[in-house]
Structures are given as structure tokens and as C-alpha cells.
Amino acid sequence: MANDTSDSQMRENVAAEVKNILSQMLDFANASFNERYLFAGSATTVAPFESQVEDSRNGGEGFIYKGNLDELPREIGPKQMVAANVILSDKMVNILNNVKAFEKSLVENDVEGIRNQIDTLGDGLNQVNQARTDAGARTARIEMSKDLLLNQKNQIASLLSDVEDVDIAEVMTRFIEEQNSYRMALEVAAKIVQPTLIDFFN
């Protein structure tokens, strides 16, 4: 698109595709789960990205971020906290505005602008990959904690099973036998000690 082999009609066709991609990107940036927006910081009830403000690159149209930069900490173990959300804010705003500027350059058949925006979009892709790497590391940590907690749960369940599965009748029988043996030992000891004390006083 940034060379002389592409004509204005081809660029207009690509611009229409880019416009559709931009709409999909905005939907992704405003993704939600259980009626809470994923990329809005702690302002999870507000759609974080919106197209409304002026942007000189885009002929008066641009994107803004309406969320905040607060993390949502979650405890995954004793004194172990991890952020349950990903803050995109400026990164996503820049990417959306750059894609919009790319679309505008295609529509206006601006070869130099197309070339510049392609380079800028490459930088945006690197930022997205960095965010994915951070999220992946966080996910791996959560999975490790999950496996550890599951292992501890299974160990506790095994210990409880050993206690709860005891045969009460057998335990009571053994207890009575031990009690009888103890009583008999006391009686024998009493019979031995008593004459000996009498002999001693005599």
C-alpha cells in the first residue's frame, strides 16, 4: 500500500477493510465479562474506550480512555497478591488512533502517511505483545498457586478421610479391652503393695 504499484482504488478498498478491523478492535478493547469491563481498571462499569474527541491525525475523530489505572488485586495464597486485570489505557488509545490515521491516509491516497503509519502500527504491535507477555506470566503464577492449593486440599481431604473412616465399633472394643487391662493391672498392684506395707509396719 505504500508503493507506486497500488492505486487509489485499491487503497480505498483496503481502507474499508481497515475500518471494519478498527470497529472489531474497539469491541475487543471494550470487552466485558459478567457485565464488567475487562480493561477499565477498577472502573469496571464504564466502557473504557470511546470515539468522540478531536485528533488532528484523524480529521477530527479520535479515541479516549474513560477508565482508570487502578489494579484489581486478588489473593492467590498467604500474603500473595496478583492483579486480576490488565491496564491498556494509553497503549490502546494510541493504537486505535494510529489505525484510524492509517485508514485516513488510505482514503486520501497519502503514500507518505501510509508509510509512516505502517511503522507506527509496528510499534503498537510490540506494545500489545508486551502486555500479552505480562498477562501470560501472571496467568502462569496463578496456575502454579492453583496447583499448590489443590494439592494441599487433597492432602487435607486424605487426612480427614483417615479420621472419619475409622470403624467406631472396633475402636470402642479396643478401648474397652485396654481399659479392662488397665483395671486388672491396678488390682494386681494393689494386692502386691498392701501386704508389703503391712509387713513393713509390723
C-alpha atoms as a PDB file:
ATOM      1  CA  MET A   1       0.000   0.000   0.000  1.00  0.00           C
ATOM      2  CA  ALA A   2       2.957   2.338   0.490  1.00  0.00           C
ATOM      3  CA  ASN A   3       4.371   1.881  -3.011  1.00  0.00           C
ATOM      4  CA  ASP A   4       3.538   3.062  -6.502  1.00  0.00           C
ATOM      5  CA  THR A   5       2.081  -0.280  -7.600  1.00  0.00           C
ATOM      6  CA  SER A   6      -1.102   0.358  -5.587  1.00  0.00           C
ATOM      7  CA  ASP A   7      -3.622   2.832  -6.996  1.00  0.00           C
ATOM      8  CA  SER A   8      -6.171   4.962  -5.168  1.00  0.00           C
ATOM      9  CA  GLN A   9      -8.993   2.461  -5.703  1.00  0.00           C
ATOM     10  CA  MET A  10      -7.007  -0.351  -4.143  1.00  0.00           C
ATOM     11  CA  ARG A  11      -6.222   1.864  -1.191  1.00  0.00           C
ATOM     12  CA  GLU A  12      -9.880   2.791  -0.754  1.00  0.00           C
ATOM     13  CA  ASN A  13     -10.779  -0.919  -0.714  1.00  0.00           C
ATOM     14  CA  VAL A  14      -8.124  -1.580   1.926  1.00  0.00           C
ATOM     15  CA  ALA A  15      -9.377   1.445   3.882  1.00  0.00           C
ATOM     16  CA  ALA A  16     -12.841  -0.162   4.078  1.00  0.00           C
ATOM     17  CA  GLU A  17     -11.276  -3.330   5.482  1.00  0.00           C
ATOM     18  CA  VAL A  18      -9.222  -1.322   7.971  1.00  0.00           C
ATOM     19  CA  LYS A  19     -12.399   0.459   9.102  1.00  0.00           C
ATOM     20  CA  ASN A  20     -14.022  -2.906   9.872  1.00  0.00           C
ATOM     21  CA  ILE A  21     -10.890  -4.056  11.708  1.00  0.00           C
ATOM     22  CA  LEU A  22     -10.912  -0.836  13.744  1.00  0.00           C
ATOM     23  CA  SER A  23     -14.508  -1.489  14.781  1.00  0.00           C
ATOM     24  CA  GLN A  24     -13.559  -5.007  15.887  1.00  0.00           C
ATOM     25  CA  MET A  25     -10.585  -3.644  17.833  1.00  0.00           C
ATOM     26  CA  LEU A  26     -12.843  -1.192  19.660  1.00  0.00           C
ATOM     27  CA  ASP A  27     -15.210  -4.044  20.551  1.00  0.00           C
ATOM     28  CA  PHE A  28     -12.256  -6.031  21.885  1.00  0.00           C
ATOM     29  CA  ALA A  29     -10.952  -3.063  23.890  1.00  0.00           C
ATOM     30  CA  ASN A  30     -14.413  -2.735  25.465  1.00  0.00           C
ATOM     31  CA  ALA A  31     -14.782  -6.453  26.133  1.00  0.00           C
ATOM     32  CA  SER A  32     -16.700  -7.404  29.280  1.00  0.00           C
ATOM     33  CA  PHE A  33     -17.302 -10.458  31.441  1.00  0.00           C
ATOM     34  CA  ASN A  34     -20.227 -10.798  33.827  1.00  0.00           C
ATOM     35  CA  GLU A  35     -21.226  -7.241  32.893  1.00  0.00           C
ATOM     36  CA  ARG A  36     -17.851  -5.831  33.969  1.00  0.00           C
ATOM     37  CA  TYR A  37     -15.391  -4.270  31.529  1.00  0.00           C
ATOM     38  CA  LEU A  38     -12.021  -6.020  31.485  1.00  0.00           C
ATOM     39  CA  PHE A  39      -9.704  -3.162  30.528  1.00  0.00           C
ATOM     40  CA  ALA A  40     -11.169  -0.244  32.516  1.00  0.00           C
ATOM     41  CA  GLY A  41      -9.012  -0.555  35.612  1.00  0.00           C
ATOM     42  CA  SER A  42     -11.245  -0.610  38.684  1.00  0.00           C
ATOM     43  CA  ALA A  43     -13.987   1.387  36.887  1.00  0.00           C
ATOM     44  CA  THR A  44     -15.476  -1.849  35.602  1.00  0.00           C
ATOM     45  CA  THR A  45     -18.977  -0.469  34.979  1.00  0.00           C
ATOM     46  CA  VAL A  46     -17.783   2.084  32.403  1.00  0.00           C
ATOM     47  CA  ALA A  47     -16.860   1.274  28.784  1.00  0.00           C
ATOM     48  CA  PRO A  48     -13.155   2.231  28.835  1.00  0.00           C
ATOM     49  CA  PHE A  49     -12.643   3.338  25.219  1.00  0.00           C
ATOM     50  CA  GLU A  50     -14.773   5.776  23.277  1.00  0.00           C
ATOM     51  CA  SER A  51     -14.568   7.563  19.940  1.00  0.00           C
ATOM     52  CA  GLN A  52     -15.507  11.194  20.434  1.00  0.00           C
ATOM     53  CA  VAL A  53     -12.636  13.642  20.830  1.00  0.00           C
ATOM     54  CA  GLU A  54     -10.701  15.594  18.268  1.00  0.00           C
ATOM     55  CA  ASP A  55      -7.482  14.185  16.925  1.00  0.00           C
ATOM     56  CA  SER A  56      -5.525  16.144  14.320  1.00  0.00           C
ATOM     57  CA  ARG A  57      -4.240  12.966  12.698  1.00  0.00           C
ATOM     58  CA  ASN A  58      -7.739  11.665  12.025  1.00  0.00           C
ATOM     59  CA  GLY A  59      -9.576  14.686  10.668  1.00  0.00           C
ATOM     60  CA  GLY A  60     -11.317  15.499  13.936  1.00  0.00           C
ATOM     61  CA  GLU A  61     -12.070  11.984  15.191  1.00  0.00           C
ATOM     62  CA  GLY A  62     -10.124  10.159  17.876  1.00  0.00           C
ATOM     63  CA  PHE A  63     -10.365   7.847  20.865  1.00  0.00           C
ATOM     64  CA  ILE A  64     -10.164   8.453  24.606  1.00  0.00           C
ATOM     65  CA  TYR A  65      -9.771   6.272  27.679  1.00  0.00           C
ATOM     66  CA  LYS A  66     -12.512   6.657  30.312  1.00  0.00           C
ATOM     67  CA  GLY A  67     -11.337   4.056  32.817  1.00  0.00           C
ATOM     68  CA  ASN A  68      -8.613   4.457  35.457  1.00  0.00           C
ATOM     69  CA  LEU A  69      -5.191   2.980  36.186  1.00  0.00           C
ATOM     70  CA  ASP A  70      -6.171   1.043  39.323  1.00  0.00           C
ATOM     71  CA  GLU A  71      -5.375  -2.653  39.555  1.00  0.00           C
ATOM     72  CA  LEU A  72      -7.775  -5.240  40.951  1.00  0.00           C
ATOM     73  CA  PRO A  73      -5.635  -7.217  43.422  1.00  0.00           C
ATOM     74  CA  ARG A  74      -6.622 -10.776  44.254  1.00  0.00           C
ATOM     75  CA  GLU A  75      -5.141 -13.025  46.939  1.00  0.00           C
ATOM     76  CA  ILE A  76      -3.854 -16.297  45.493  1.00  0.00           C
ATOM     77  CA  GLY A  77      -2.097 -17.526  48.633  1.00  0.00           C
ATOM     78  CA  PRO A  78      -0.892 -16.415  52.059  1.00  0.00           C
ATOM     79  CA  LYS A  79       0.379 -12.842  51.581  1.00  0.00           C
ATOM     80  CA  GLN A  80       0.469 -13.390  47.802  1.00  0.00           C
ATOM     81  CA  MET A  81      -1.418 -10.857  45.688  1.00  0.00           C
ATOM     82  CA  VAL A  82      -1.749 -10.612  41.919  1.00  0.00           C
ATOM     83  CA  ALA A  83      -3.540  -8.084  39.700  1.00  0.00           C
ATOM     84  CA  ALA A  84      -6.602  -9.644  38.091  1.00  0.00           C
ATOM     85  CA  ASN A  85      -6.828  -7.044  35.326  1.00  0.00           C
ATOM     86  CA  VAL A  86      -4.687  -5.612  32.536  1.00  0.00           C
ATOM     87  CA  ILE A  87      -4.279  -1.842  32.163  1.00  0.00           C
ATOM     88  CA  LEU A  88      -4.129  -0.867  28.467  1.00  0.00           C
ATOM     89  CA  SER A  89      -5.153   2.833  28.679  1.00  0.00           C
ATOM     90  CA  ASP A  90      -2.663   4.930  26.658  1.00  0.00           C
ATOM     91  CA  LYS A  91      -1.338   1.948  24.724  1.00  0.00           C
ATOM     92  CA  MET A  92      -4.732   1.045  23.301  1.00  0.00           C
ATOM     93  CA  VAL A  93      -5.693   4.691  22.720  1.00  0.00           C
ATOM     94  CA  ASN A  94      -2.523   5.191  20.670  1.00  0.00           C
ATOM     95  CA  ILE A  95      -3.113   2.006  18.689  1.00  0.00           C
ATOM     96  CA  LEU A  96      -6.734   2.892  17.919  1.00  0.00           C
ATOM     97  CA  ASN A  97      -5.781   6.420  16.863  1.00  0.00           C
ATOM     98  CA  ASN A  98      -2.925   5.110  14.712  1.00  0.00           C
ATOM     99  CA  VAL A  99      -5.203   2.637  12.947  1.00  0.00           C
ATOM    100  CA  LYS A 100      -7.701   5.446  12.346  1.00  0.00           C
ATOM    101  CA  ALA A 101      -4.896   7.620  10.931  1.00  0.00           C
ATOM    102  CA  PHE A 102      -3.849   4.688   8.722  1.00  0.00           C
ATOM    103  CA  GLU A 103      -7.411   4.454   7.382  1.00  0.00           C
ATOM    104  CA  LYS A 104      -7.457   8.205   6.713  1.00  0.00           C
ATOM    105  CA  SER A 105      -4.158   8.019   4.802  1.00  0.00           C
ATOM    106  CA  LEU A 106      -5.518   5.210   2.653  1.00  0.00           C
ATOM    107  CA  VAL A 107      -8.708   7.130   1.844  1.00  0.00           C
ATOM    108  CA  GLU A 108      -6.708  10.259   0.949  1.00  0.00           C
ATOM    109  CA  ASN A 109      -4.209   8.207  -1.088  1.00  0.00           C
ATOM    110  CA  ASP A 110      -1.398   9.655   1.042  1.00  0.00           C
ATOM    111  CA  VAL A 111       1.538   7.344   0.320  1.00  0.00           C
ATOM    112  CA  GLU A 112       3.899   9.035   2.772  1.00  0.00           C
ATOM    113  CA  GLY A 113       1.261   8.964   5.511  1.00  0.00           C
ATOM    114  CA  ILE A 114       0.602   5.279   4.824  1.00  0.00           C
ATOM    115  CA  ARG A 115       4.304   4.518   5.130  1.00  0.00           C
ATOM    116  CA  ASN A 116       4.592   6.414   8.418  1.00  0.00           C
ATOM    117  CA  GLN A 117       1.524   4.738   9.914  1.00  0.00           C
ATOM    118  CA  ILE A 118       2.773   1.253   8.998  1.00  0.00           C
ATOM    119  CA  ASP A 119       5.913   1.904  11.065  1.00  0.00           C
ATOM    120  CA  THR A 120       3.809   3.282  13.939  1.00  0.00           C
ATOM    121  CA  LEU A 121       1.500   0.264  13.876  1.00  0.00           C
ATOM    122  CA  GLY A 122       4.551  -1.980  14.228  1.00  0.00           C
ATOM    123  CA  ASP A 123       5.423  -0.189  17.468  1.00  0.00           C
ATOM    124  CA  GLY A 124       1.839  -0.654  18.671  1.00  0.00           C
ATOM    125  CA  LEU A 125       2.040  -4.375  17.945  1.00  0.00           C
ATOM    126  CA  ASN A 126       5.166  -4.592  20.106  1.00  0.00           C
ATOM    127  CA  GLN A 127       3.275  -2.913  22.968  1.00  0.00           C
ATOM    128  CA  VAL A 128       0.432  -5.406  22.640  1.00  0.00           C
ATOM    129  CA  ASN A 129       2.880  -8.319  22.666  1.00  0.00           C
ATOM    130  CA  GLN A 130       4.481  -6.927  25.838  1.00  0.00           C
ATOM    131  CA  ALA A 131       1.064  -6.729  27.506  1.00  0.00           C
ATOM    132  CA  ARG A 132       0.362 -10.324  26.439  1.00  0.00           C
ATOM    133  CA  THR A 133       3.704 -11.429  27.909  1.00  0.00           C
ATOM    134  CA  ASP A 134       2.909  -9.755  31.238  1.00  0.00           C
ATOM    135  CA  ALA A 135      -0.550 -11.327  31.306  1.00  0.00           C
ATOM    136  CA  GLY A 136       0.939 -14.728  30.446  1.00  0.00           C
ATOM    137  CA  ALA A 137       3.437 -14.536  33.319  1.00  0.00           C
ATOM    138  CA  ARG A 138       0.635 -13.561  35.684  1.00  0.00           C
ATOM    139  CA  THR A 139      -1.521 -16.443  34.459  1.00  0.00           C
ATOM    140  CA  ALA A 140       1.340 -18.907  34.964  1.00  0.00           C
ATOM    141  CA  ARG A 141       1.769 -17.693  38.554  1.00  0.00           C
ATOM    142  CA  ILE A 142      -1.948 -18.130  39.214  1.00  0.00           C
ATOM    143  CA  GLU A 143      -1.882 -21.648  37.748  1.00  0.00           C
ATOM    144  CA  MET A 144       1.066 -22.592  39.985  1.00  0.00           C
ATOM    145  CA  SER A 145      -0.781 -21.321  43.054  1.00  0.00           C
ATOM    146  CA  LYS A 146      -3.902 -23.171  41.946  1.00  0.00           C
ATOM    147  CA  ASP A 147      -1.984 -26.462  41.649  1.00  0.00           C
ATOM    148  CA  LEU A 148      -0.367 -25.919  45.056  1.00  0.00           C
ATOM    149  CA  LEU A 149      -3.704 -25.187  46.739  1.00  0.00           C
ATOM    150  CA  LEU A 150      -5.313 -28.179  45.030  1.00  0.00           C
ATOM    151  CA  ASN A 151      -2.504 -30.428  46.283  1.00  0.00           C
ATOM    152  CA  GLN A 152      -2.941 -29.108  49.835  1.00  0.00           C
ATOM    153  CA  LYS A 153      -6.692 -29.627  49.575  1.00  0.00           C
ATOM    154  CA  ASN A 154      -6.185 -33.257  48.533  1.00  0.00           C
ATOM    155  CA  GLN A 155      -3.767 -33.847  51.428  1.00  0.00           C
ATOM    156  CA  ILE A 156      -6.239 -32.405  53.944  1.00  0.00           C
ATOM    157  CA  ALA A 157      -9.058 -34.459  52.434  1.00  0.00           C
ATOM    158  CA  SER A 158      -6.927 -37.597  52.799  1.00  0.00           C
ATOM    159  CA  LEU A 159      -6.196 -36.826  56.460  1.00  0.00           C
ATOM    160  CA  LEU A 160      -9.876 -36.176  57.165  1.00  0.00           C
ATOM    161  CA  SER A 161     -10.783 -39.392  55.427  1.00  0.00           C
ATOM    162  CA  ASP A 162      -8.384 -41.329  57.680  1.00  0.00           C
ATOM    163  CA  VAL A 163     -10.142 -39.869  60.718  1.00  0.00           C
ATOM    164  CA  GLU A 164     -13.719 -40.027  59.501  1.00  0.00           C
ATOM    165  CA  ASP A 165     -13.484 -43.527  58.070  1.00  0.00           C
ATOM    166  CA  VAL A 166     -12.453 -45.122  61.392  1.00  0.00           C
ATOM    167  CA  ASP A 167     -14.579 -48.157  62.451  1.00  0.00           C
ATOM    168  CA  ILE A 168     -16.192 -46.843  65.660  1.00  0.00           C
ATOM    169  CA  ALA A 169     -17.212 -50.310  66.885  1.00  0.00           C
ATOM    170  CA  GLU A 170     -13.675 -51.601  66.510  1.00  0.00           C
ATOM    171  CA  VAL A 171     -12.217 -48.561  68.267  1.00  0.00           C
ATOM    172  CA  MET A 172     -14.670 -48.916  71.188  1.00  0.00           C
ATOM    173  CA  THR A 173     -13.899 -52.634  71.548  1.00  0.00           C
ATOM    174  CA  ARG A 174     -10.187 -51.904  71.629  1.00  0.00           C
ATOM    175  CA  PHE A 175     -10.735 -49.122  74.178  1.00  0.00           C
ATOM    176  CA  ILE A 176     -12.732 -51.407  76.492  1.00  0.00           C
ATOM    177  CA  GLU A 177     -10.052 -54.095  76.248  1.00  0.00           C
ATOM    178  CA  GLU A 178      -7.348 -51.580  77.132  1.00  0.00           C
ATOM    179  CA  GLN A 179      -9.467 -50.230  79.990  1.00  0.00           C
ATOM    180  CA  ASN A 180     -10.009 -53.740  81.410  1.00  0.00           C
ATOM    181  CA  SER A 181      -6.298 -54.496  81.143  1.00  0.00           C
ATOM    182  CA  TYR A 182      -5.501 -51.281  82.985  1.00  0.00           C
ATOM    183  CA  ARG A 183      -8.030 -52.055  85.750  1.00  0.00           C
ATOM    184  CA  MET A 184      -6.641 -55.553  86.212  1.00  0.00           C
ATOM    185  CA  ALA A 185      -3.111 -54.151  86.452  1.00  0.00           C
ATOM    186  CA  LEU A 186      -4.246 -51.767  89.187  1.00  0.00           C
ATOM    187  CA  GLU A 187      -5.894 -54.587  91.129  1.00  0.00           C
ATOM    188  CA  VAL A 188      -2.806 -56.773  90.929  1.00  0.00           C
ATOM    189  CA  ALA A 189      -0.600 -53.905  92.010  1.00  0.00           C
ATOM    190  CA  ALA A 190      -2.893 -53.207  94.975  1.00  0.00           C
ATOM    191  CA  LYS A 191      -2.710 -56.822  96.117  1.00  0.00           C
ATOM    192  CA  ILE A 192       1.055 -56.778  95.969  1.00  0.00           C
ATOM    193  CA  VAL A 193       1.578 -53.418  97.647  1.00  0.00           C
ATOM    194  CA  GLN A 194      -0.905 -53.877 100.526  1.00  0.00           C
ATOM    195  CA  PRO A 195       0.727 -56.938 102.261  1.00  0.00           C
ATOM    196  CA  THR A 196       4.152 -55.476 101.775  1.00  0.00           C
ATOM    197  CA  LEU A 197       3.186 -52.282 103.654  1.00  0.00           C
ATOM    198  CA  ILE A 198       1.631 -54.300 106.463  1.00  0.00           C
ATOM    199  CA  ASP A 199       4.773 -56.367 106.751  1.00  0.00           C
ATOM    200  CA  PHE A 200       6.803 -53.178 106.836  1.00  0.00           C
ATOM    201  CA  PHE A 201       4.807 -51.709 109.730  1.00  0.00           C
ATOM    202  CA  ASN A 202       4.953 -54.995 111.600  1.00  0.00           C
END
